[in-house]
């Protein structure tokens, strides 16, 4: 009967001992240790140790659940802040894009006004210069002394260069306006 009770006690306590070791390992994963088979205690002592280890495991589990909940709350908070920053950034991009479009339209209007101004001024200046050139050519056909012909030639040369410059400005205006 003693042998039978020992055998039965080992059959009951051995699984409890193994459960106790597993609980201890789960409670302290950084300390993986094994309880040697050389330590033989009474079945009741092993059951008490298993209960203590089970309590420690439950406490550790509660702490991990609490930590996970806090981490989840932190994650939700950061996600909310990120969404707000993203919305603010999108609003800023929309405002900057609107300002850039306005500035582009103003620049295009200014360029168009400049082109129109150059075309009008060039046209208004070209007409009188053409008249001056015609008058100089008419004067050059008269009988003039050498000094007068030289002065008319110089005036004609200057007016021709000025007319060429104005024509270039007109061409530039036409090219720029398409």
N, C-alpha and C. Protein backbone atom coordinates (compact mmCIF):
# COMPACT_ATOMS: atom_id res chain seq x y z
N UNK A 1 0.82 -1.19 0.00
CA UNK A 1 0.00 0.00 0.00
C UNK A 1 0.87 1.25 0.00
N UNK A 2 2.05 1.17 0.65
CA UNK A 2 2.96 2.32 0.65
C UNK A 2 3.50 2.55 -0.76
N UNK A 3 3.84 1.46 -1.40
CA UNK A 3 4.37 1.58 -2.75
C UNK A 3 3.28 2.14 -3.67
N UNK A 4 2.07 1.66 -3.48
CA UNK A 4 0.96 2.12 -4.31
C UNK A 4 0.65 3.59 -4.05
N UNK A 5 0.70 4.01 -2.78
CA UNK A 5 0.43 5.41 -2.48
C UNK A 5 1.54 6.32 -3.01
N UNK A 6 2.78 5.84 -2.95
CA UNK A 6 3.89 6.62 -3.52
C UNK A 6 3.72 6.76 -5.03
N UNK A 7 3.40 5.64 -5.63
CA UNK A 7 3.20 5.64 -7.09
C UNK A 7 2.08 6.59 -7.47
N UNK A 8 0.96 6.55 -6.74
CA UNK A 8 -0.19 7.41 -7.00
C UNK A 8 0.17 8.88 -6.73
N UNK A 9 0.93 9.14 -5.68
CA UNK A 9 1.35 10.51 -5.36
C UNK A 9 2.23 11.06 -6.47
N UNK A 10 3.16 10.23 -6.96
CA UNK A 10 4.00 10.69 -8.08
C UNK A 10 3.17 10.94 -9.33
N UNK A 11 2.16 10.12 -9.58
CA UNK A 11 1.29 10.30 -10.76
C UNK A 11 0.50 11.60 -10.65
N UNK A 12 0.16 12.04 -9.47
CA UNK A 12 -0.60 13.27 -9.29
C UNK A 12 0.33 14.47 -9.22
N UNK A 13 1.40 14.33 -8.48
CA UNK A 13 2.27 15.49 -8.27
C UNK A 13 3.17 15.81 -9.45
N UNK A 14 3.54 14.81 -10.23
CA UNK A 14 4.42 15.07 -11.37
C UNK A 14 3.77 16.04 -12.37
N UNK A 15 2.50 15.83 -12.79
CA UNK A 15 1.88 16.83 -13.67
C UNK A 15 1.75 18.20 -13.02
N UNK A 16 1.48 18.22 -11.72
CA UNK A 16 1.39 19.51 -11.02
C UNK A 16 2.75 20.19 -10.99
N UNK A 17 3.77 19.41 -10.79
CA UNK A 17 5.13 19.95 -10.78
C UNK A 17 5.47 20.53 -12.15
N UNK A 18 5.12 19.81 -13.21
CA UNK A 18 5.38 20.30 -14.56
C UNK A 18 4.57 21.57 -14.85
N UNK A 19 3.32 21.59 -14.38
CA UNK A 19 2.48 22.79 -14.54
C UNK A 19 3.11 23.95 -13.80
N UNK A 20 3.60 23.70 -12.61
CA UNK A 20 4.24 24.75 -11.82
C UNK A 20 5.45 25.31 -12.54
N UNK A 21 6.26 24.44 -13.14
CA UNK A 21 7.45 24.89 -13.88
C UNK A 21 7.03 25.74 -15.07
N UNK A 22 6.02 25.30 -15.80
CA UNK A 22 5.55 26.06 -16.98
C UNK A 22 5.01 27.43 -16.58
N UNK A 23 4.26 27.47 -15.48
CA UNK A 23 3.74 28.75 -14.99
C UNK A 23 4.87 29.68 -14.57
N UNK A 24 5.87 29.13 -13.92
CA UNK A 24 7.01 29.94 -13.51
C UNK A 24 7.74 30.49 -14.74
N UNK A 25 7.89 29.66 -15.76
CA UNK A 25 8.55 30.12 -16.98
C UNK A 25 7.72 31.19 -17.68
N UNK A 26 6.40 31.03 -17.69
CA UNK A 26 5.53 32.02 -18.33
C UNK A 26 5.52 33.32 -17.55
N UNK A 27 5.62 33.24 -16.22
CA UNK A 27 5.63 34.44 -15.39
C UNK A 27 6.91 35.23 -15.56
N UNK A 28 8.01 34.55 -15.80
CA UNK A 28 9.31 35.19 -15.96
C UNK A 28 9.97 34.65 -17.22
N UNK A 29 9.55 35.12 -18.40
CA UNK A 29 10.11 34.57 -19.63
C UNK A 29 11.60 34.84 -19.77
N UNK A 30 12.10 35.87 -19.09
CA UNK A 30 13.52 36.17 -19.19
C UNK A 30 14.36 35.17 -18.39
N UNK A 31 13.72 34.47 -17.50
CA UNK A 31 14.43 33.49 -16.67
C UNK A 31 13.88 32.10 -16.98
N UNK A 32 14.35 31.53 -18.01
CA UNK A 32 13.93 30.16 -18.33
C UNK A 32 14.77 29.19 -17.50
N UNK A 33 14.13 28.57 -16.57
CA UNK A 33 14.86 27.64 -15.71
C UNK A 33 14.03 26.38 -15.57
N UNK A 34 14.66 25.38 -15.13
CA UNK A 34 14.00 24.10 -14.91
C UNK A 34 14.22 23.68 -13.47
N UNK A 35 13.19 23.14 -12.92
CA UNK A 35 13.32 22.58 -11.57
C UNK A 35 13.81 21.15 -11.74
N UNK A 36 14.86 20.84 -11.07
CA UNK A 36 15.44 19.49 -11.23
C UNK A 36 14.57 18.45 -10.55
N UNK A 37 14.64 17.26 -11.07
CA UNK A 37 13.88 16.16 -10.51
C UNK A 37 14.44 15.71 -9.16
N UNK A 38 15.64 16.19 -8.84
CA UNK A 38 16.26 15.79 -7.58
C UNK A 38 15.52 16.37 -6.40
N UNK A 39 14.86 17.52 -6.60
CA UNK A 39 14.12 18.13 -5.49
C UNK A 39 12.78 17.43 -5.39
N UNK A 40 12.64 16.68 -4.46
CA UNK A 40 11.37 15.97 -4.21
C UNK A 40 10.76 16.56 -2.95
N UNK A 41 9.55 17.05 -3.06
CA UNK A 41 8.87 17.57 -1.89
C UNK A 41 7.56 16.84 -1.73
N UNK A 42 6.85 17.21 -0.74
CA UNK A 42 5.56 16.56 -0.55
C UNK A 42 4.59 17.08 -1.59
N UNK A 43 3.59 16.36 -1.90
CA UNK A 43 2.60 16.74 -2.89
C UNK A 43 1.88 18.02 -2.52
N UNK A 44 1.61 18.21 -1.25
CA UNK A 44 0.90 19.41 -0.80
C UNK A 44 1.78 20.64 -0.99
N UNK A 45 3.06 20.50 -0.67
CA UNK A 45 3.98 21.62 -0.85
C UNK A 45 4.07 22.01 -2.32
N UNK A 46 4.10 21.02 -3.19
CA UNK A 46 4.16 21.30 -4.62
C UNK A 46 2.86 21.95 -5.11
N UNK A 47 1.75 21.55 -4.55
CA UNK A 47 0.46 22.16 -4.93
C UNK A 47 0.43 23.61 -4.48
N UNK A 48 0.93 23.88 -3.28
CA UNK A 48 0.98 25.26 -2.77
C UNK A 48 1.89 26.11 -3.64
N UNK A 49 3.04 25.55 -4.02
CA UNK A 49 3.96 26.28 -4.88
C UNK A 49 3.30 26.55 -6.24
N UNK A 50 2.57 25.56 -6.74
CA UNK A 50 1.88 25.74 -8.02
C UNK A 50 0.84 26.84 -7.91
N UNK A 51 0.12 26.90 -6.79
CA UNK A 51 -0.87 27.96 -6.58
C UNK A 51 -0.20 29.33 -6.56
N UNK A 52 0.93 29.43 -5.88
CA UNK A 52 1.64 30.71 -5.81
C UNK A 52 2.12 31.13 -7.19
N UNK A 53 2.64 30.17 -7.91
CA UNK A 53 3.10 30.48 -9.26
C UNK A 53 1.93 30.85 -10.17
N UNK A 54 0.80 30.20 -9.98
CA UNK A 54 -0.39 30.53 -10.76
C UNK A 54 -0.86 31.95 -10.43
N UNK A 55 -0.82 32.33 -9.15
CA UNK A 55 -1.18 33.70 -8.76
C UNK A 55 -0.21 34.71 -9.38
N UNK A 56 1.08 34.39 -9.34
CA UNK A 56 2.07 35.29 -9.93
C UNK A 56 1.84 35.41 -11.43
N UNK A 57 1.51 34.28 -12.05
CA UNK A 57 1.21 34.30 -13.49
C UNK A 57 -0.02 35.17 -13.78
N UNK A 58 -1.05 35.05 -12.95
CA UNK A 58 -2.26 35.84 -13.13
C UNK A 58 -1.97 37.33 -12.96
N UNK A 59 -1.15 37.68 -11.96
CA UNK A 59 -0.79 39.08 -11.75
C UNK A 59 0.00 39.63 -12.93
N UNK A 60 0.93 38.83 -13.38
CA UNK A 60 1.73 39.25 -14.55
C UNK A 60 0.84 39.42 -15.77
N UNK A 61 -0.11 38.51 -15.94
CA UNK A 61 -1.05 38.61 -17.08
C UNK A 61 -1.90 39.87 -16.98
N UNK A 62 -2.38 40.18 -15.77
CA UNK A 62 -3.17 41.39 -15.57
C UNK A 62 -2.35 42.63 -15.93
N UNK A 63 -1.08 42.63 -15.49
CA UNK A 63 -0.21 43.76 -15.79
C UNK A 63 0.01 43.89 -17.29
N UNK A 64 0.21 42.78 -17.98
CA UNK A 64 0.40 42.81 -19.43
C UNK A 64 -0.86 43.32 -20.14
N UNK A 65 -2.03 42.89 -19.67
CA UNK A 65 -3.29 43.38 -20.27
C UNK A 65 -3.42 44.88 -20.04
N UNK A 66 -3.09 45.34 -18.84
CA UNK A 66 -3.15 46.77 -18.55
C UNK A 66 -2.18 47.54 -19.45
N UNK A 67 -0.96 47.01 -19.60
CA UNK A 67 0.02 47.66 -20.46
C UNK A 67 -0.45 47.70 -21.91
N UNK A 68 -1.05 46.61 -22.36
CA UNK A 68 -1.58 46.56 -23.73
C UNK A 68 -2.70 47.57 -23.93
N UNK A 69 -3.57 47.68 -22.96
CA UNK A 69 -4.66 48.67 -23.06
C UNK A 69 -4.10 50.09 -23.13
N UNK A 70 -3.11 50.36 -22.28
CA UNK A 70 -2.50 51.69 -22.29
C UNK A 70 -1.81 51.96 -23.62
N UNK A 71 -1.13 50.95 -24.13
CA UNK A 71 -0.46 51.11 -25.43
C UNK A 71 -1.48 51.36 -26.53
N UNK A 72 -2.61 50.69 -26.45
CA UNK A 72 -3.67 50.89 -27.44
C UNK A 72 -4.24 52.30 -27.34
N UNK A 73 -4.44 52.78 -26.10
CA UNK A 73 -4.93 54.15 -25.93
C UNK A 73 -3.92 55.16 -26.48
N UNK A 74 -2.64 54.91 -26.20
CA UNK A 74 -1.59 55.80 -26.73
C UNK A 74 -1.60 55.78 -28.26
N UNK A 75 -1.75 54.61 -28.83
CA UNK A 75 -1.78 54.48 -30.29
C UNK A 75 -2.96 55.27 -30.87
N UNK A 76 -4.13 55.14 -30.24
CA UNK A 76 -5.31 55.87 -30.72
C UNK A 76 -5.09 57.38 -30.60
N UNK A 77 -4.47 57.80 -29.50
CA UNK A 77 -4.18 59.22 -29.31
C UNK A 77 -3.24 59.73 -30.41
N UNK A 78 -2.18 58.98 -30.67
CA UNK A 78 -1.23 59.38 -31.70
C UNK A 78 -1.88 59.38 -33.08
N UNK A 79 -2.73 58.40 -33.34
CA UNK A 79 -3.44 58.38 -34.62
C UNK A 79 -4.34 59.60 -34.78
N UNK A 80 -5.02 59.97 -33.71
CA UNK A 80 -5.88 61.16 -33.75
C UNK A 80 -5.04 62.41 -34.01
N UNK A 81 -3.92 62.54 -33.31
CA UNK A 81 -3.05 63.70 -33.51
C UNK A 81 -2.50 63.72 -34.94
N UNK A 82 -2.16 62.56 -35.45
CA UNK A 82 -1.65 62.45 -36.82
C UNK A 82 -2.72 62.87 -37.83
N UNK A 83 -3.96 62.46 -37.59
CA UNK A 83 -5.05 62.87 -38.49
C UNK A 83 -5.25 64.38 -38.46
N UNK A 84 -5.17 64.97 -37.26
CA UNK A 84 -5.31 66.43 -37.17
C UNK A 84 -4.18 67.14 -37.91
N UNK A 85 -2.96 66.64 -37.72
CA UNK A 85 -1.82 67.25 -38.42
C UNK A 85 -1.98 67.10 -39.94
N UNK A 86 -2.46 65.95 -40.36
CA UNK A 86 -2.66 65.71 -41.79
C UNK A 86 -3.71 66.66 -42.35
N UNK A 87 -4.81 66.85 -41.61
CA UNK A 87 -5.85 67.79 -42.05
C UNK A 87 -5.30 69.21 -42.11
N UNK A 88 -4.52 69.60 -41.10
CA UNK A 88 -3.93 70.94 -41.11
C UNK A 88 -2.99 71.10 -42.29
N UNK A 89 -2.20 70.08 -42.55
CA UNK A 89 -1.27 70.13 -43.67
C UNK A 89 -2.02 70.23 -45.00
N UNK A 90 -3.08 69.46 -45.14
CA UNK A 90 -3.87 69.53 -46.37
C UNK A 90 -4.48 70.92 -46.55
N UNK A 91 -4.95 71.52 -45.47
CA UNK A 91 -5.52 72.87 -45.54
C UNK A 91 -4.44 73.87 -45.95
N UNK A 92 -3.25 73.73 -45.37
CA UNK A 92 -2.15 74.63 -45.72
C UNK A 92 -1.77 74.47 -47.19
N UNK A 93 -1.76 73.24 -47.68
CA UNK A 93 -1.43 73.00 -49.09
C UNK A 93 -2.48 73.64 -49.98
N UNK A 94 -3.76 73.50 -49.61
CA UNK A 94 -4.83 74.12 -50.41
C UNK A 94 -4.68 75.65 -50.44
N UNK A 95 -4.37 76.24 -49.28
CA UNK A 95 -4.19 77.70 -49.22
C UNK A 95 -3.00 78.14 -50.06
N UNK A 96 -1.88 77.44 -49.93
CA UNK A 96 -0.68 77.80 -50.70
C UNK A 96 -0.93 77.63 -52.19
N UNK A 97 -1.64 76.57 -52.57
CA UNK A 97 -1.95 76.34 -53.98
C UNK A 97 -2.83 77.47 -54.51
N UNK A 98 -3.79 77.90 -53.70
CA UNK A 98 -4.66 78.99 -54.12
C UNK A 98 -3.85 80.28 -54.29
N UNK A 99 -2.94 80.55 -53.35
CA UNK A 99 -2.09 81.74 -53.45
C UNK A 99 -1.20 81.67 -54.68
N UNK A 100 -0.65 80.48 -54.93
CA UNK A 100 0.22 80.33 -56.10
C UNK A 100 -0.56 80.53 -57.40
N UNK A 101 -1.79 80.02 -57.45
CA UNK A 101 -2.61 80.22 -58.65
C UNK A 101 -2.91 81.69 -58.85
N UNK A 102 -3.21 82.38 -57.75
CA UNK A 102 -3.48 83.81 -57.83
C UNK A 102 -2.24 84.56 -58.31
N UNK A 103 -1.08 84.22 -57.75
CA UNK A 103 0.16 84.87 -58.15
C UNK A 103 0.47 84.58 -59.62
N UNK A 104 0.21 83.35 -60.05
CA UNK A 104 0.45 82.99 -61.46
C UNK A 104 -0.46 83.80 -62.38
N UNK A 105 -1.73 83.91 -62.00
CA UNK A 105 -2.66 84.70 -62.81
C UNK A 105 -2.25 86.16 -62.87
N UNK A 106 -1.80 86.69 -61.73
CA UNK A 106 -1.34 88.09 -61.71
C UNK A 106 -0.10 88.27 -62.57
N UNK A 107 0.81 87.31 -62.50
CA UNK A 107 2.03 87.40 -63.32
C UNK A 107 1.70 87.31 -64.80
N UNK A 108 0.76 86.42 -65.15
CA UNK A 108 0.37 86.31 -66.55
C UNK A 108 -0.32 87.59 -67.02
N UNK A 109 -1.15 88.18 -66.16
CA UNK A 109 -1.82 89.42 -66.53
C UNK A 109 -0.80 90.55 -66.69
N UNK A 110 0.19 90.59 -65.79
CA UNK A 110 1.23 91.62 -65.90
C UNK A 110 2.04 91.43 -67.17
N UNK A 111 2.35 90.19 -67.51
CA UNK A 111 3.10 89.92 -68.73
C UNK A 111 2.30 90.33 -69.96
N UNK A 112 1.02 90.03 -69.94
CA UNK A 112 0.16 90.41 -71.06
C UNK A 112 0.05 91.93 -71.17
N UNK A 113 -0.07 92.60 -70.03
CA UNK A 113 -0.14 94.07 -70.04
C UNK A 113 1.16 94.66 -70.56
N UNK A 114 2.29 94.07 -70.17
CA UNK A 114 3.59 94.55 -70.64
C UNK A 114 3.69 94.39 -72.16
N UNK A 115 3.26 93.23 -72.64
CA UNK A 115 3.32 92.97 -74.08
C UNK A 115 2.44 93.96 -74.84
N UNK A 116 1.22 94.17 -74.34
CA UNK A 116 0.32 95.13 -74.98
C UNK A 116 0.91 96.53 -74.96
N UNK A 117 1.49 96.91 -73.81
CA UNK A 117 2.09 98.22 -73.70
C UNK A 117 3.23 98.40 -74.71
N UNK A 118 4.10 97.39 -74.80
CA UNK A 118 5.21 97.48 -75.75
C UNK A 118 4.71 97.58 -77.18
N UNK A 119 3.68 96.79 -77.48
CA UNK A 119 3.15 96.83 -78.85
C UNK A 119 2.56 98.20 -79.16
N UNK A 120 1.80 98.75 -78.20
CA UNK A 120 1.18 100.07 -78.43
C UNK A 120 2.22 101.17 -78.52
N UNK A 121 3.17 101.16 -77.60
CA UNK A 121 4.20 102.20 -77.61
C UNK A 121 5.04 102.09 -78.87
N UNK A 122 5.41 100.87 -79.22
CA UNK A 122 6.23 100.69 -80.42
C UNK A 122 5.49 101.17 -81.66
N UNK A 123 4.22 100.85 -81.73
CA UNK A 123 3.43 101.27 -82.89
C UNK A 123 3.31 102.79 -82.93
N UNK A 124 3.07 103.39 -81.77
CA UNK A 124 2.90 104.83 -81.71
C UNK A 124 4.21 105.57 -82.00
N UNK A 125 5.34 104.96 -81.68
CA UNK A 125 6.63 105.61 -81.94
C UNK A 125 7.06 105.35 -83.39
N UNK A 126 6.71 104.20 -83.93
CA UNK A 126 7.14 103.85 -85.28
C UNK A 126 6.52 104.77 -86.32
N UNK A 127 5.28 105.12 -86.11
CA UNK A 127 4.61 105.97 -87.09
C UNK A 127 5.30 107.33 -87.24
N UNK A 128 5.60 108.05 -86.16
CA UNK A 128 6.29 109.34 -86.33
C UNK A 128 7.71 109.18 -86.89
N UNK A 129 8.38 108.11 -86.53
CA UNK A 129 9.73 107.92 -87.06
C UNK A 129 9.67 107.67 -88.56
N UNK A 130 8.67 106.92 -88.98
CA UNK A 130 8.52 106.72 -90.43
C UNK A 130 8.30 108.06 -91.13
N UNK A 131 7.53 108.94 -90.49
CA UNK A 131 7.32 110.29 -91.05
C UNK A 131 8.62 111.08 -91.10
N UNK A 132 9.43 110.98 -90.03
CA UNK A 132 10.71 111.69 -90.00
C UNK A 132 11.62 111.16 -91.11
N UNK A 133 11.66 109.85 -91.30
CA UNK A 133 12.49 109.27 -92.36
C UNK A 133 12.04 109.76 -93.75
N UNK A 134 10.73 109.83 -93.95
CA UNK A 134 10.21 110.33 -95.23
C UNK A 134 10.62 111.77 -95.47
N UNK A 135 10.53 112.59 -94.45
CA UNK A 135 10.90 114.00 -94.58
C UNK A 135 12.41 114.14 -94.85
N UNK A 136 13.23 113.31 -94.18
CA UNK A 136 14.67 113.36 -94.40
C UNK A 136 15.02 112.95 -95.83
N UNK A 137 14.33 111.95 -96.35
CA UNK A 137 14.58 111.53 -97.73
C UNK A 137 14.16 112.63 -98.72
N UNK A 138 13.04 113.29 -98.38
CA UNK A 138 12.59 114.40 -99.25
C UNK A 138 13.60 115.55 -99.21
N UNK A 139 14.13 115.85 -98.03
CA UNK A 139 15.13 116.92 -97.92
C UNK A 139 16.42 116.55 -98.64
N UNK A 140 16.78 115.28 -98.60
CA UNK A 140 18.01 114.83 -99.22
C UNK A 140 17.97 114.97 -100.74
N UNK A 141 16.76 115.05 -101.34
CA UNK A 141 16.63 115.18 -102.80
C UNK A 141 16.85 116.64 -103.23
N UNK A 142 16.76 117.55 -102.33
CA UNK A 142 17.00 118.97 -102.66
C UNK A 142 18.49 119.20 -102.85
N UNK A 143 18.79 120.30 -103.45
CA UNK A 143 20.20 120.68 -103.62
C UNK A 143 20.70 121.25 -102.31
N UNK A 144 21.50 120.44 -101.62
CA UNK A 144 22.06 120.84 -100.33
C UNK A 144 23.57 120.80 -100.41
N UNK A 145 24.17 121.63 -99.57
CA UNK A 145 25.64 121.57 -99.56
C UNK A 145 26.08 120.30 -98.84
N UNK A 146 27.36 120.08 -98.84
CA UNK A 146 27.93 118.83 -98.32
C UNK A 146 27.67 118.65 -96.82
N UNK A 147 27.79 119.68 -96.05
CA UNK A 147 27.58 119.60 -94.60
C UNK A 147 26.12 119.28 -94.29
N UNK A 148 25.18 119.89 -95.02
CA UNK A 148 23.77 119.61 -94.80
C UNK A 148 23.44 118.16 -95.18
N UNK A 149 24.02 117.68 -96.27
CA UNK A 149 23.78 116.29 -96.68
C UNK A 149 24.34 115.33 -95.62
N UNK A 150 25.48 115.68 -95.04
CA UNK A 150 26.07 114.83 -94.00
C UNK A 150 25.17 114.79 -92.77
N UNK A 151 24.62 115.94 -92.38
CA UNK A 151 23.73 116.00 -91.21
C UNK A 151 22.44 115.22 -91.49
N UNK A 152 21.90 115.37 -92.70
CA UNK A 152 20.67 114.63 -93.04
C UNK A 152 20.99 113.13 -93.08
N UNK A 153 22.15 112.76 -93.58
CA UNK A 153 22.55 111.35 -93.61
C UNK A 153 22.67 110.78 -92.20
N UNK A 154 23.26 111.55 -91.30
CA UNK A 154 23.39 111.13 -89.91
C UNK A 154 22.01 110.99 -89.26
N UNK A 155 21.12 111.96 -89.47
CA UNK A 155 19.76 111.89 -88.93
C UNK A 155 19.02 110.69 -89.52
N UNK A 156 19.19 110.42 -90.83
CA UNK A 156 18.52 109.30 -91.49
C UNK A 156 19.03 107.97 -90.92
N UNK A 157 20.36 107.88 -90.72
CA UNK A 157 20.96 106.68 -90.14
C UNK A 157 20.40 106.42 -88.74
N UNK A 158 20.34 107.47 -87.91
CA UNK A 158 19.84 107.33 -86.54
C UNK A 158 18.37 106.94 -86.54
N UNK A 159 17.57 107.56 -87.38
CA UNK A 159 16.14 107.25 -87.44
C UNK A 159 15.94 105.82 -87.94
N UNK A 160 16.74 105.38 -88.90
CA UNK A 160 16.63 104.00 -89.41
C UNK A 160 16.96 102.99 -88.31
N UNK A 161 18.03 103.27 -87.56
CA UNK A 161 18.38 102.37 -86.45
C UNK A 161 17.28 102.34 -85.40
N UNK A 162 16.73 103.51 -85.10
CA UNK A 162 15.63 103.57 -84.14
C UNK A 162 14.42 102.80 -84.65
N UNK A 163 14.11 102.91 -85.93
CA UNK A 163 12.99 102.17 -86.52
C UNK A 163 13.25 100.67 -86.47
N UNK A 164 14.50 100.26 -86.72
CA UNK A 164 14.85 98.85 -86.64
C UNK A 164 14.66 98.33 -85.20
N UNK A 165 15.08 99.11 -84.25
CA UNK A 165 14.92 98.73 -82.84
C UNK A 165 13.45 98.59 -82.48
N UNK A 166 12.65 99.53 -82.92
CA UNK A 166 11.20 99.47 -82.64
C UNK A 166 10.57 98.27 -83.32
N UNK A 167 11.00 97.95 -84.55
CA UNK A 167 10.48 96.76 -85.23
C UNK A 167 10.85 95.48 -84.48
N UNK A 168 12.07 95.46 -83.94
CA UNK A 168 12.47 94.30 -83.14
C UNK A 168 11.59 94.17 -81.90
N UNK A 169 11.30 95.29 -81.26
CA UNK A 169 10.43 95.26 -80.07
C UNK A 169 9.04 94.77 -80.46
N UNK A 170 8.54 95.23 -81.60
CA UNK A 170 7.23 94.75 -82.07
C UNK A 170 7.26 93.25 -82.35
N UNK A 171 8.31 92.78 -82.98
CA UNK A 171 8.43 91.34 -83.24
C UNK A 171 8.48 90.54 -81.95
N UNK A 172 9.23 91.05 -80.99
CA UNK A 172 9.32 90.39 -79.69
C UNK A 172 7.93 90.33 -79.05
N UNK A 173 7.18 91.40 -79.11
CA UNK A 173 5.82 91.45 -78.54
C UNK A 173 4.93 90.44 -79.21
N UNK A 174 5.04 90.34 -80.55
CA UNK A 174 4.21 89.38 -81.28
C UNK A 174 4.58 87.96 -80.91
N UNK A 175 5.87 87.68 -80.78
CA UNK A 175 6.31 86.32 -80.43
C UNK A 175 5.82 85.98 -79.02
N UNK A 176 5.97 86.92 -78.10
CA UNK A 176 5.58 86.66 -76.71
C UNK A 176 4.08 86.46 -76.56
N UNK A 177 3.29 87.16 -77.36
CA UNK A 177 1.83 87.02 -77.26
C UNK A 177 1.33 85.84 -78.06
N UNK A 178 2.20 85.17 -78.77
CA UNK A 178 1.81 83.96 -79.47
C UNK A 178 1.37 84.27 -80.89
